Amino acid sequence: QVQLVESGGGLVQAGGSLILSCAASGLTFKGYDMGWYRHDPGKEREFAATITVSGSATYYADSVQSRFTISRNNAENTVCLQMNSLNPEDTAVYSCIAVSTLGHTAYWGQGTQVTVSS
């Protein structure tokens, strides 16, 4: 059974930082690109960042570019999202996604809440 378990969310003041982690199990981690999306109720789910299998390529939404950094550890089956200079607009549930490099399968985690106070 595939599981993606996020952790690291919480309440932080504007300008602060958080590190989110996603631990994957039940899949061949090196066969999946990994990413983070976020969803704030009342808004559409928004892409945040993604990283390729080898970690050699990363992509970011314009809204988080230069503030967020995605990384992965293929030995530990984890992907992290370092979030700096947080602002209230970053408040959302952040979910981890694993997308097969074959493009046929995707798995989602349950998400972790990030709340940024002004």
Protein backbone atom coordinates (compact mmCIF):
# COMPACT_ATOMS: atom_id res chain seq x y z
CA GLN A 1 0.00 0.00 0.00
CA VAL A 2 1.41 3.35 -1.05
CA GLN A 3 1.60 5.97 1.66
CA LEU A 4 2.78 9.55 1.54
CA VAL A 5 2.93 11.11 4.99
CA GLU A 6 3.57 14.81 5.36
CA SER A 7 4.87 16.51 8.47
CA GLY A 8 6.30 19.82 9.57
CA GLY A 9 3.33 22.10 9.18
CA GLY A 10 2.25 24.53 11.84
CA LEU A 11 1.72 28.14 12.77
CA VAL A 12 4.42 30.67 11.95
CA GLN A 13 4.64 34.43 11.87
CA ALA A 14 5.05 36.31 8.63
CA GLY A 15 8.67 36.34 7.58
CA GLY A 16 9.34 33.03 9.26
CA SER A 17 10.36 29.65 7.90
CA LEU A 18 9.13 26.08 7.95
CA ILE A 19 10.41 22.80 6.57
CA LEU A 20 7.85 20.29 5.35
CA SER A 21 8.73 16.64 4.90
CA CYS A 22 7.02 13.85 3.03
CA ALA A 23 7.89 10.23 3.74
CA ALA A 24 6.98 7.75 1.02
CA SER A 25 6.46 4.02 1.40
CA GLY A 26 5.01 1.21 -0.66
CA LEU A 27 6.45 2.45 -3.94
CA THR A 28 9.75 2.48 -5.81
CA PHE A 29 10.70 6.01 -4.88
CA LYS A 30 13.26 6.39 -7.64
CA GLY A 31 10.50 5.79 -10.17
CA TYR A 32 8.58 8.92 -9.18
CA ASP A 33 8.93 12.62 -9.64
CA MET A 34 7.87 14.32 -6.43
CA GLY A 35 6.07 17.55 -5.81
CA TRP A 36 4.13 19.78 -3.48
CA TYR A 37 0.76 21.37 -4.04
CA ARG A 38 -1.19 23.61 -1.72
CA HIS A 39 -4.85 24.22 -1.19
CA ASP A 40 -6.52 27.01 0.69
CA PRO A 41 -10.30 26.55 1.13
CA GLY A 42 -12.15 28.78 -1.28
CA LYS A 43 -9.33 28.67 -3.76
CA GLU A 44 -8.18 26.19 -6.37
CA ARG A 45 -5.39 23.78 -5.57
CA GLU A 46 -2.13 25.36 -6.58
CA PHE A 47 1.11 23.82 -7.75
CA ALA A 48 4.07 24.84 -5.57
CA ALA A 49 7.16 22.87 -6.54
CA THR A 50 8.37 19.67 -8.15
CA ILE A 51 11.61 17.74 -8.38
CA THR A 52 12.69 15.06 -10.82
CA VAL A 53 13.80 11.56 -9.87
CA SER A 54 17.49 12.37 -9.77
CA GLY A 55 16.96 15.75 -8.17
CA SER A 56 18.74 17.40 -11.06
CA ALA A 57 15.77 19.54 -12.05
CA THR A 58 13.33 21.52 -9.94
CA TYR A 59 10.41 23.73 -10.88
CA TYR A 60 8.54 26.30 -8.85
CA ALA A 61 5.40 28.33 -9.07
CA ASP A 62 6.09 32.01 -9.60
CA SER A 63 4.47 32.73 -6.24
CA VAL A 64 7.09 30.71 -4.34
CA GLN A 65 10.13 31.04 -6.59
CA SER A 66 13.23 32.16 -4.66
CA ARG A 67 11.50 31.57 -1.31
CA PHE A 68 10.86 27.82 -1.39
CA THR A 69 13.35 25.02 -2.06
CA ILE A 70 12.39 21.43 -2.82
CA SER A 71 14.80 18.57 -2.24
CA ARG A 72 14.70 14.80 -2.03
CA ASN A 73 16.64 11.98 -0.44
CA ASN A 74 16.32 8.83 -2.49
CA ALA A 75 18.06 6.74 0.16
CA GLU A 76 15.44 7.69 2.74
CA ASN A 77 12.44 8.00 0.40
CA THR A 78 11.72 11.54 1.51
CA VAL A 79 11.07 14.87 -0.13
CA CYS A 80 11.27 18.18 1.68
CA LEU A 81 10.09 21.71 1.08
CA GLN A 82 12.07 24.46 2.74
CA MET A 83 9.86 27.53 2.96
CA ASN A 84 11.35 30.92 3.78
CA SER A 85 9.97 34.45 3.98
CA LEU A 86 6.49 33.11 4.55
CA ASN A 87 3.54 35.45 4.24
CA PRO A 88 -0.18 35.05 5.03
CA GLU A 89 -0.89 34.21 1.38
CA ASP A 90 1.11 31.01 1.89
CA THR A 91 -1.48 29.73 4.35
CA ALA A 92 -2.83 26.45 3.00
CA VAL A 93 -2.83 22.68 3.34
CA TYR A 94 0.33 21.44 1.68
CA SER A 95 0.17 18.03 0.06
CA CYS A 96 2.86 15.83 -1.32
CA ILE A 97 2.42 14.12 -4.68
CA ALA A 98 4.32 11.27 -6.30
CA VAL A 99 4.01 11.01 -10.08
CA SER A 100 5.27 7.96 -11.91
CA THR A 101 7.89 8.76 -14.52
CA LEU A 102 5.78 6.67 -16.85
CA GLY A 103 3.04 9.21 -16.34
CA HIS A 104 0.31 6.73 -15.54
CA THR A 105 0.09 6.87 -11.78
CA ALA A 106 0.00 9.54 -9.12
CA TYR A 107 -0.36 9.34 -5.36
CA TRP A 108 -1.28 12.03 -2.89
CA GLY A 109 -0.60 12.50 0.78
CA GLN A 110 -3.20 13.72 3.25
CA GLY A 111 -1.56 17.10 3.63
CA THR A 112 -0.22 19.24 6.44
CA GLN A 113 -1.61 22.61 7.48
CA VAL A 114 0.58 25.68 7.25
CA THR A 115 -0.77 28.86 8.80
CA VAL A 116 1.10 32.15 8.51
CA SER A 117 -0.02 34.94 10.80
CA SER A 118 0.46 38.60 9.97
